[in-house]
Amino acid sequence: MGNPINSIQEDEDATYKLKLFVNGASSISLRAIHNLKTILHEHLENRYILEIIDVHQQPLLVNSEDIVAIPLLIKQSPLPSRRLIGDMSNKVKVLKGLGLISKI
């Protein structure tokens, strides 16, 4: 089978709209931010909008999004929407969750 990252299925015109919910400056939240930004820079440079939301500063938004775990990444567009939990350290899992690769 080859490297799954080689099977990237990007829509070159799509802008990815993403929300990352974090818990302040906790170590896992900082790792999630760093790992996600690295992946986005490598695979979606200039084609994404990332909103980083601290759950303590915006509790009403947390309630409206039905947040069950932190860190949580919500891919709003392009559809289908998806949710990923964790520190975003598993690059293949994040790429699959973003819809950039079809199979692991």
N, C-alpha and C. Protein backbone atom coordinates (compact mmCIF):
# COMPACT_ATOMS: atom_id res chain seq x y z
N MET A 1 0.82 -1.19 0.00
CA MET A 1 0.00 0.00 0.00
C MET A 1 0.84 1.23 0.00
N GLY A 2 1.57 1.83 0.13
CA GLY A 2 2.27 3.07 0.16
C GLY A 2 1.90 3.93 1.36
N ASN A 3 2.52 5.02 1.41
CA ASN A 3 2.30 5.97 2.49
C ASN A 3 0.95 6.65 2.31
N PRO A 4 0.07 6.59 3.31
CA PRO A 4 -1.26 7.17 3.14
C PRO A 4 -1.24 8.68 2.96
N ILE A 5 -0.19 9.33 3.43
CA ILE A 5 -0.12 10.78 3.27
C ILE A 5 0.05 11.13 1.80
N ASN A 6 0.54 10.19 1.00
CA ASN A 6 0.68 10.44 -0.43
C ASN A 6 -0.67 10.45 -1.14
N SER A 7 -1.72 9.96 -0.49
CA SER A 7 -3.03 9.90 -1.13
C SER A 7 -3.90 11.09 -0.74
N ILE A 8 -3.31 12.25 -0.67
CA ILE A 8 -4.03 13.45 -0.26
C ILE A 8 -5.09 13.79 -1.30
N GLN A 9 -6.30 14.10 -0.82
CA GLN A 9 -7.46 14.35 -1.66
C GLN A 9 -7.96 15.78 -1.47
N GLU A 10 -7.16 16.76 -1.69
CA GLU A 10 -7.55 18.14 -1.40
C GLU A 10 -8.41 18.75 -2.50
N ASP A 11 -9.36 19.58 -2.09
CA ASP A 11 -10.08 20.44 -3.00
C ASP A 11 -9.31 21.75 -2.98
N GLU A 12 -8.60 22.03 -4.05
CA GLU A 12 -7.65 23.13 -4.04
C GLU A 12 -8.28 24.50 -3.87
N ASP A 13 -9.59 24.64 -4.07
CA ASP A 13 -10.24 25.93 -3.91
C ASP A 13 -10.91 26.09 -2.54
N ALA A 14 -11.04 25.00 -1.80
CA ALA A 14 -11.77 25.04 -0.53
C ALA A 14 -10.97 25.78 0.54
N THR A 15 -11.67 26.60 1.31
CA THR A 15 -11.10 27.20 2.51
C THR A 15 -11.65 26.41 3.69
N TYR A 16 -10.75 25.91 4.51
CA TYR A 16 -11.13 25.11 5.66
C TYR A 16 -11.41 26.04 6.84
N LYS A 17 -12.59 25.92 7.40
CA LYS A 17 -12.99 26.71 8.56
C LYS A 17 -12.93 25.79 9.78
N LEU A 18 -12.06 26.13 10.73
CA LEU A 18 -11.77 25.26 11.86
C LEU A 18 -11.88 26.02 13.18
N LYS A 19 -12.35 25.30 14.20
CA LYS A 19 -12.36 25.84 15.57
C LYS A 19 -11.63 24.84 16.45
N LEU A 20 -10.66 25.35 17.22
CA LEU A 20 -9.94 24.51 18.17
C LEU A 20 -10.25 25.01 19.58
N PHE A 21 -10.90 24.16 20.36
CA PHE A 21 -11.24 24.50 21.74
C PHE A 21 -10.13 23.98 22.64
N VAL A 22 -9.58 24.88 23.47
CA VAL A 22 -8.48 24.54 24.36
C VAL A 22 -8.78 24.98 25.78
N ASN A 23 -7.97 24.49 26.70
CA ASN A 23 -8.09 24.81 28.11
C ASN A 23 -6.93 25.72 28.51
N GLY A 24 -7.04 27.00 28.20
CA GLY A 24 -6.02 27.97 28.57
C GLY A 24 -4.66 27.60 28.02
N ALA A 25 -3.65 27.73 28.87
CA ALA A 25 -2.27 27.46 28.46
C ALA A 25 -1.78 26.13 29.00
N SER A 26 -2.68 25.16 29.13
CA SER A 26 -2.27 23.84 29.61
C SER A 26 -1.30 23.22 28.60
N SER A 27 -0.48 22.30 29.06
CA SER A 27 0.52 21.71 28.17
C SER A 27 -0.12 20.97 27.00
N ILE A 28 -1.22 20.25 27.25
CA ILE A 28 -1.87 19.53 26.15
C ILE A 28 -2.50 20.50 25.15
N SER A 29 -3.04 21.61 25.64
CA SER A 29 -3.61 22.61 24.73
C SER A 29 -2.53 23.26 23.88
N LEU A 30 -1.40 23.60 24.49
CA LEU A 30 -0.30 24.20 23.73
C LEU A 30 0.24 23.23 22.69
N ARG A 31 0.32 21.93 23.03
CA ARG A 31 0.76 20.92 22.06
C ARG A 31 -0.23 20.83 20.91
N ALA A 32 -1.52 20.84 21.23
CA ALA A 32 -2.54 20.75 20.19
C ALA A 32 -2.45 21.93 19.23
N ILE A 33 -2.27 23.13 19.76
CA ILE A 33 -2.15 24.32 18.92
C ILE A 33 -0.93 24.21 18.02
N HIS A 34 0.22 23.86 18.61
CA HIS A 34 1.46 23.74 17.83
C HIS A 34 1.34 22.65 16.75
N ASN A 35 0.87 21.47 17.15
CA ASN A 35 0.77 20.36 16.19
C ASN A 35 -0.20 20.69 15.06
N LEU A 36 -1.34 21.27 15.40
CA LEU A 36 -2.32 21.60 14.37
C LEU A 36 -1.79 22.67 13.42
N LYS A 37 -1.17 23.72 13.96
CA LYS A 37 -0.64 24.77 13.10
C LYS A 37 0.44 24.23 12.16
N THR A 38 1.25 23.29 12.64
CA THR A 38 2.28 22.68 11.79
C THR A 38 1.63 21.92 10.64
N ILE A 39 0.63 21.12 10.95
CA ILE A 39 -0.07 20.35 9.91
C ILE A 39 -0.75 21.28 8.91
N LEU A 40 -1.42 22.30 9.40
CA LEU A 40 -2.12 23.23 8.51
C LEU A 40 -1.14 23.97 7.62
N HIS A 41 -0.02 24.37 8.18
CA HIS A 41 1.00 25.08 7.38
C HIS A 41 1.53 24.17 6.26
N GLU A 42 1.74 22.89 6.58
CA GLU A 42 2.28 21.96 5.59
C GLU A 42 1.27 21.59 4.50
N HIS A 43 -0.01 21.49 4.86
CA HIS A 43 -0.99 20.92 3.92
C HIS A 43 -2.06 21.89 3.44
N LEU A 44 -2.28 22.98 4.14
CA LEU A 44 -3.35 23.90 3.76
C LEU A 44 -2.91 25.36 3.82
N GLU A 45 -1.66 25.62 3.59
CA GLU A 45 -1.16 26.98 3.71
C GLU A 45 -2.02 27.97 2.93
N ASN A 46 -2.43 29.04 3.60
CA ASN A 46 -3.26 30.11 3.02
C ASN A 46 -4.65 29.64 2.61
N ARG A 47 -5.09 28.47 3.11
CA ARG A 47 -6.41 27.95 2.73
C ARG A 47 -7.22 27.53 3.94
N TYR A 48 -6.95 28.15 5.07
CA TYR A 48 -7.71 27.80 6.26
C TYR A 48 -7.93 29.02 7.14
N ILE A 49 -9.01 28.94 7.92
CA ILE A 49 -9.31 29.93 8.95
C ILE A 49 -9.39 29.14 10.24
N LEU A 50 -8.49 29.44 11.17
CA LEU A 50 -8.45 28.73 12.44
C LEU A 50 -8.80 29.68 13.57
N GLU A 51 -9.84 29.33 14.30
CA GLU A 51 -10.24 30.09 15.48
C GLU A 51 -9.88 29.24 16.71
N ILE A 52 -9.04 29.80 17.58
CA ILE A 52 -8.66 29.11 18.80
C ILE A 52 -9.48 29.69 19.94
N ILE A 53 -10.21 28.83 20.63
CA ILE A 53 -11.17 29.27 21.65
C ILE A 53 -10.77 28.68 23.00
N ASP A 54 -10.52 29.55 23.97
CA ASP A 54 -10.24 29.13 25.34
C ASP A 54 -11.59 28.91 26.03
N VAL A 55 -11.82 27.70 26.49
CA VAL A 55 -13.12 27.35 27.06
C VAL A 55 -13.45 28.17 28.31
N HIS A 56 -12.43 28.65 29.01
CA HIS A 56 -12.68 29.46 30.21
C HIS A 56 -13.09 30.88 29.85
N GLN A 57 -12.65 31.39 28.72
CA GLN A 57 -12.97 32.75 28.31
C GLN A 57 -14.28 32.86 27.55
N GLN A 58 -14.75 31.75 26.97
CA GLN A 58 -15.97 31.79 26.17
C GLN A 58 -16.90 30.63 26.52
N PRO A 59 -17.39 30.56 27.76
CA PRO A 59 -18.21 29.42 28.18
C PRO A 59 -19.53 29.29 27.42
N LEU A 60 -20.12 30.39 26.98
CA LEU A 60 -21.38 30.29 26.23
C LEU A 60 -21.17 29.60 24.89
N LEU A 61 -20.06 29.88 24.24
CA LEU A 61 -19.74 29.23 22.96
C LEU A 61 -19.51 27.74 23.18
N VAL A 62 -18.88 27.40 24.28
CA VAL A 62 -18.64 25.99 24.60
C VAL A 62 -19.97 25.26 24.74
N ASN A 63 -20.92 25.85 25.44
CA ASN A 63 -22.24 25.23 25.60
C ASN A 63 -22.96 25.08 24.27
N SER A 64 -22.88 26.08 23.42
CA SER A 64 -23.60 26.02 22.14
C SER A 64 -23.00 25.00 21.18
N GLU A 65 -21.72 24.69 21.33
CA GLU A 65 -21.04 23.72 20.44
C GLU A 65 -21.06 22.30 21.00
N ASP A 66 -21.64 22.11 22.20
CA ASP A 66 -21.73 20.79 22.81
C ASP A 66 -20.35 20.14 22.95
N ILE A 67 -19.45 20.84 23.62
CA ILE A 67 -18.08 20.37 23.82
C ILE A 67 -18.06 19.32 24.93
N VAL A 68 -17.47 18.17 24.64
CA VAL A 68 -17.42 17.09 25.63
C VAL A 68 -16.00 16.78 26.10
N ALA A 69 -14.99 17.23 25.37
CA ALA A 69 -13.59 16.98 25.73
C ALA A 69 -12.73 18.09 25.16
N ILE A 70 -11.59 18.30 25.79
CA ILE A 70 -10.66 19.36 25.37
C ILE A 70 -9.27 18.74 25.27
N PRO A 71 -8.44 19.09 24.32
CA PRO A 71 -8.69 19.92 23.15
C PRO A 71 -9.62 19.22 22.16
N LEU A 72 -10.40 20.04 21.48
CA LEU A 72 -11.34 19.56 20.48
C LEU A 72 -11.25 20.43 19.24
N LEU A 73 -11.04 19.80 18.10
CA LEU A 73 -11.02 20.50 16.82
C LEU A 73 -12.33 20.20 16.10
N ILE A 74 -13.00 21.27 15.67
CA ILE A 74 -14.21 21.12 14.86
C ILE A 74 -13.91 21.64 13.46
N LYS A 75 -14.07 20.77 12.47
CA LYS A 75 -13.95 21.19 11.07
C LYS A 75 -15.36 21.54 10.61
N GLN A 76 -15.60 22.82 10.37
CA GLN A 76 -16.93 23.27 9.96
C GLN A 76 -17.12 23.19 8.46
N SER A 77 -16.09 23.51 7.72
CA SER A 77 -16.18 23.42 6.27
C SER A 77 -14.78 23.18 5.72
N PRO A 78 -14.68 22.55 4.56
CA PRO A 78 -15.78 22.05 3.74
C PRO A 78 -16.45 20.85 4.41
N LEU A 79 -17.70 20.65 4.03
CA LEU A 79 -18.46 19.53 4.58
C LEU A 79 -17.88 18.20 4.12
N PRO A 80 -18.03 17.13 4.85
CA PRO A 80 -18.81 17.03 6.08
C PRO A 80 -18.05 17.60 7.27
N SER A 81 -18.79 18.09 8.26
CA SER A 81 -18.14 18.58 9.47
C SER A 81 -17.62 17.37 10.24
N ARG A 82 -16.55 17.62 10.99
CA ARG A 82 -15.94 16.54 11.76
C ARG A 82 -15.40 17.09 13.06
N ARG A 83 -15.20 16.20 14.04
CA ARG A 83 -14.65 16.56 15.34
C ARG A 83 -13.48 15.64 15.66
N LEU A 84 -12.39 16.22 16.14
CA LEU A 84 -11.22 15.46 16.55
C LEU A 84 -10.83 15.87 17.96
N ILE A 85 -10.58 14.90 18.81
CA ILE A 85 -10.20 15.16 20.19
C ILE A 85 -8.74 14.75 20.38
N GLY A 86 -8.02 15.57 21.15
CA GLY A 86 -6.64 15.21 21.50
C GLY A 86 -5.65 16.30 21.16
N ASP A 87 -4.36 15.96 21.27
CA ASP A 87 -3.32 16.97 21.08
C ASP A 87 -2.84 17.10 19.63
N MET A 88 -3.54 16.47 18.71
CA MET A 88 -3.28 16.57 17.27
C MET A 88 -1.89 16.06 16.90
N SER A 89 -1.34 15.16 17.72
CA SER A 89 0.00 14.65 17.46
C SER A 89 0.02 13.53 16.42
N ASN A 90 -1.11 12.88 16.19
CA ASN A 90 -1.19 11.83 15.18
C ASN A 90 -1.54 12.48 13.84
N LYS A 91 -0.51 12.76 13.07
CA LYS A 91 -0.68 13.51 11.83
C LYS A 91 -1.63 12.83 10.85
N VAL A 92 -1.52 11.53 10.70
CA VAL A 92 -2.38 10.80 9.76
C VAL A 92 -3.83 10.90 10.21
N LYS A 93 -4.08 10.76 11.51
CA LYS A 93 -5.44 10.86 12.04
C LYS A 93 -6.02 12.26 11.79
N VAL A 94 -5.21 13.29 11.98
CA VAL A 94 -5.67 14.66 11.76
C VAL A 94 -5.96 14.87 10.27
N LEU A 95 -5.07 14.43 9.40
CA LEU A 95 -5.29 14.58 7.96
C LEU A 95 -6.55 13.84 7.52
N LYS A 96 -6.78 12.65 8.07
CA LYS A 96 -7.99 11.91 7.74
C LYS A 96 -9.22 12.66 8.27
N GLY A 97 -9.12 13.17 9.49
CA GLY A 97 -10.24 13.91 10.08
C GLY A 97 -10.57 15.17 9.31
N LEU A 98 -9.57 15.78 8.72
CA LEU A 98 -9.79 16.97 7.90
C LEU A 98 -10.29 16.61 6.50
N GLY A 99 -10.27 15.31 6.18
CA GLY A 99 -10.72 14.89 4.86
C GLY A 99 -9.65 15.03 3.81
N LEU A 100 -8.40 15.15 4.24
CA LEU A 100 -7.31 15.33 3.27
C LEU A 100 -6.74 14.01 2.77
N ILE A 101 -6.97 12.94 3.50
CA ILE A 101 -6.63 11.61 3.00
C ILE A 101 -7.85 10.73 3.21
N SER A 102 -8.00 9.75 2.34
CA SER A 102 -9.21 8.95 2.39
C SER A 102 -9.07 7.69 3.22
N LYS A 103 -7.88 7.11 3.30
CA LYS A 103 -7.71 5.85 4.03
C LYS A 103 -6.43 5.88 4.85
N ILE A 104 -6.48 5.15 5.94
CA ILE A 104 -5.26 5.00 6.76
C ILE A 104 -4.72 3.61 6.52
